[in-house]
Every structure is written in C-alpha cells, then in structure tokens.
Protein backbone atom coordinates (compact mmCIF):
# COMPACT_ATOMS: atom_id res chain seq x y z
CA MET A 1 103.09 134.80 90.11
CA SER A 2 101.85 131.66 91.84
CA LYS A 3 100.36 128.76 89.94
CA PRO A 4 96.65 128.00 90.35
CA ALA A 5 95.66 125.43 92.95
CA ALA A 6 94.37 122.00 92.04
CA ALA A 7 90.63 121.35 92.09
CA LEU A 8 89.25 117.90 92.85
CA VAL A 9 85.91 117.50 91.10
CA LYS A 10 83.41 114.81 90.13
CA VAL A 11 84.52 112.89 87.04
CA ARG A 12 82.77 114.05 83.87
CA GLU A 13 82.87 112.54 80.39
CA TRP A 14 84.95 115.44 79.06
CA HIS A 15 87.56 114.73 81.77
CA ILE A 16 87.88 111.15 80.52
CA LYS A 17 88.23 112.32 76.91
CA ALA A 18 90.83 114.94 77.88
CA LEU A 19 92.79 112.38 79.90
CA LEU A 20 92.75 109.86 77.06
CA ASP A 21 93.89 112.52 74.57
CA ASP A 22 96.97 113.21 76.71
CA LEU A 23 97.50 110.01 78.73
CA ARG A 24 101.05 109.51 80.02
CA PRO A 25 102.73 106.84 77.87
CA ALA A 26 103.75 104.83 80.98
CA ASP A 27 100.12 104.76 82.12
CA ALA A 28 98.99 103.63 78.65
CA LEU A 29 101.57 100.79 78.72
CA GLU A 30 100.45 99.73 82.18
CA LEU A 31 96.77 99.74 81.27
CA ALA A 32 97.42 97.62 78.16
CA ALA A 33 99.51 95.14 80.17
CA ILE A 34 96.78 94.41 82.71
CA ARG A 35 93.98 92.92 80.58
CA GLY A 36 94.77 94.02 77.07
CA TRP A 37 91.85 96.45 77.12
CA SER A 38 92.10 99.84 75.47
CA PRO A 39 92.92 102.79 77.75
CA ALA A 40 89.39 104.10 77.14
CA LYS A 41 87.81 100.86 78.33
CA GLU A 42 90.11 100.64 81.39
CA VAL A 43 89.47 104.25 82.46
CA ARG A 44 85.71 103.98 82.01
CA HIS A 45 85.64 100.65 83.87
CA ALA A 46 87.65 102.12 86.77
CA VAL A 47 85.32 105.11 87.05
CA ALA A 48 82.16 102.99 86.74
CA THR A 49 83.21 100.53 89.46
CA ALA A 50 84.80 103.03 91.87
CA THR A 51 83.69 103.43 95.46
CA HIS A 52 84.94 106.99 95.13
CA CYS A 53 86.68 108.79 92.26
CA ALA A 54 87.59 112.32 91.23
CA THR A 55 89.39 114.36 88.62
CA CYS A 56 92.31 116.61 89.51
CA ILE A 57 92.21 119.77 87.42
CA VAL A 58 94.85 122.52 87.39
CA ASP A 59 94.37 125.65 85.32
CA GLY A 60 91.59 123.97 83.31
CA LYS A 61 93.72 120.93 82.43
CA VAL A 62 92.93 117.36 83.49
CA VAL A 63 96.00 116.24 85.43
CA ALA A 64 94.69 112.89 86.72
CA ILE A 65 91.63 110.77 87.37
CA PHE A 66 91.91 108.61 90.46
CA GLY A 67 89.85 106.62 92.89
CA ASP A 68 89.45 103.49 94.93
CA THR A 69 87.36 100.42 94.28
CA ARG A 70 86.08 97.96 96.88
CA HIS A 71 87.54 94.53 96.19
CA ASP A 72 85.86 92.84 99.16
CA ALA A 73 84.87 93.68 102.74
CA VAL A 74 88.52 94.30 103.69
CA HIS A 75 90.46 95.34 100.60
CA GLY A 76 90.28 98.50 98.54
CA LEU A 77 92.06 98.99 95.22
CA PRO A 78 93.54 102.48 94.80
CA TRP A 79 94.13 103.55 91.20
CA MET A 80 95.15 106.59 89.17
CA MET A 81 95.74 107.49 85.55
CA SER A 82 97.45 110.77 84.71
CA SER A 83 98.01 113.02 81.75
CA THR A 84 101.30 114.61 80.73
CA TRP A 85 100.06 117.75 82.52
CA ILE A 86 101.15 116.11 85.78
CA ASN A 87 104.72 117.06 84.82
CA THR A 88 103.94 120.79 85.02
CA SER A 89 101.38 120.58 87.85
CA ARG A 90 103.23 118.28 90.23
CA ARG A 91 103.20 120.58 93.27
CA GLN A 92 99.51 121.36 93.00
CA PHE A 93 98.71 117.67 92.55
CA LEU A 94 100.90 116.56 95.46
CA ALA A 95 99.28 119.11 97.76
CA GLU A 96 95.97 117.24 97.38
CA CYS A 97 97.36 113.73 97.89
CA PRO A 98 97.42 113.46 101.71
CA GLY A 99 93.67 114.15 101.94
CA VAL A 100 92.89 111.83 99.05
CA ILE A 101 94.89 108.96 100.55
CA ALA A 102 93.33 109.57 103.98
CA GLY A 103 89.89 109.25 102.37
CA MET A 104 90.84 105.96 100.72
CA ARG A 105 92.23 104.63 104.00
CA SER A 106 89.02 105.58 105.82
CA ARG A 107 86.95 103.44 103.44
CA HIS A 108 89.06 100.26 103.58
CA GLN A 109 91.00 98.14 106.07
CA LEU A 110 93.79 97.51 103.56
CA LEU A 111 94.67 99.21 100.28
CA ILE A 112 96.27 96.89 97.73
CA ASN A 113 97.06 96.98 94.03
CA MET A 114 99.73 96.34 91.42
CA ILE A 115 101.89 98.73 89.40
CA ASP A 116 103.94 98.13 86.28
CA THR A 117 107.65 98.27 87.17
CA ARG A 118 108.22 100.50 84.11
CA ASN A 119 105.92 103.21 85.51
CA THR A 120 108.68 104.93 87.50
CA LEU A 121 106.95 108.28 88.03
CA ALA A 122 103.87 106.60 89.51
CA ILE A 123 106.08 104.35 91.67
CA ARG A 124 107.86 107.42 93.10
CA TRP A 125 104.46 109.01 93.82
CA LEU A 126 103.15 105.89 95.59
CA LYS A 127 106.30 105.70 97.73
CA TRP A 128 105.94 109.42 98.55
CA CYS A 129 102.35 108.70 99.64
CA GLY A 130 103.62 106.00 102.01
CA PHE A 131 102.71 102.77 100.24
CA THR A 132 104.78 99.65 100.95
CA PHE A 133 106.14 97.68 97.99
CA LEU A 134 106.63 93.94 97.69
CA PRO A 135 109.00 92.21 95.23
CA ALA A 136 107.95 92.29 91.59
CA VAL A 137 105.87 89.42 90.22
CA PRO A 138 104.57 88.47 86.76
CA TYR A 139 101.11 89.95 86.23
CA GLY A 140 98.63 90.74 83.49
CA ILE A 141 97.97 89.18 80.13
CA ASN A 142 101.65 88.80 79.17
CA GLY A 143 103.17 88.30 82.60
CA GLU A 144 104.82 91.73 82.69
CA SER A 145 106.74 92.66 85.84
CA PHE A 146 104.50 94.40 88.40
CA TYR A 147 105.05 95.45 92.00
CA PRO A 148 102.31 94.68 94.51
CA PHE A 149 101.85 97.66 96.86
CA THR A 150 99.89 98.05 100.09
CA MET A 151 98.91 100.45 102.84
CA GLU A 152 96.92 99.79 105.99
CA GLY A 153 93.55 101.47 106.09
CA THR A 154 91.82 103.02 109.05
CA ALA A 155 88.37 101.54 108.44
CA CYS A 156 87.12 99.29 111.24
CA ALA A 157 86.26 95.66 110.57
CA GLN A 158 82.56 95.21 110.00
C-alpha cells in the first residue's frame, strides 16, 4: 500500500500549534539560538512576515511549515521548521521540494539565510535542494556556529 501524498496548504493556526507540539529538537535549538525567542514567537513571526508560506501535511499530520521572506529588493530568506513527522514522511515531503524551491527562486534574485551547524538533517535537505554553503560563522545571541547558505534566484532585477 502506498503512502498518501503530501499536501501543501495555507498555514492555519492549528498547523502552528501542531508543529510546536512536535517540533524537531534540532529546529527548536536553532530557533532559540537565533534571537532567544520562544519557538512559538519565531514560527508566528516567520509566518506573519513571509512573502509566501505553506504547511506540508501528510496523512493529516503537519510535517513542516516553510516559506520565504523578502529581505530587500534582491534577497529572499528561505526558512522551514519541521516536526518529527518528517522522519516518516520524507519521500512525500521531498517530492514537493523542487516546486517549492522554484517558487522561492522566482520571487528573489538571491536566496540567503543561516543554519545552525548542529541541524544536520536540515543541512542535508538544503544540500539536496541545491543550496551552496559557506564556512561556518558565529551567529545569533550566543555566537553559535551557523552556516550561511545561498542559491541564485531567477527573478529579474527591478
């Protein structure tokens, strides 16, 4: 029997609550390292400021909430927080990624962000998606080790 496909849907409050109830520990560590905000505040801020965002749901479970935020006229900030359900829904999630990344690239000339070096699953995913990594640098409220990552967009200069 095949597993159900992933659905990408508009972010709802219950998605945020479900994600926070089952947030991957590595994502929680990363969120805390950035500004010291709670995971709830970080997730809600990301959703509220996003240019585009969505929830990935598989078999009724929130697997991830992701999006991109305009930093300036050139740069977009891709982001994602995932639940532990990503471990059992990896194939369905990955099947949606090429289209999601293409959408982000179409909205920005350059995608840039930082990722905690301890978040190894997310780093593997970003590399699989085609992002380029730079050497780790101190970042966040305590100077934790983060990798800057980038990808050229397809949006034209305005």
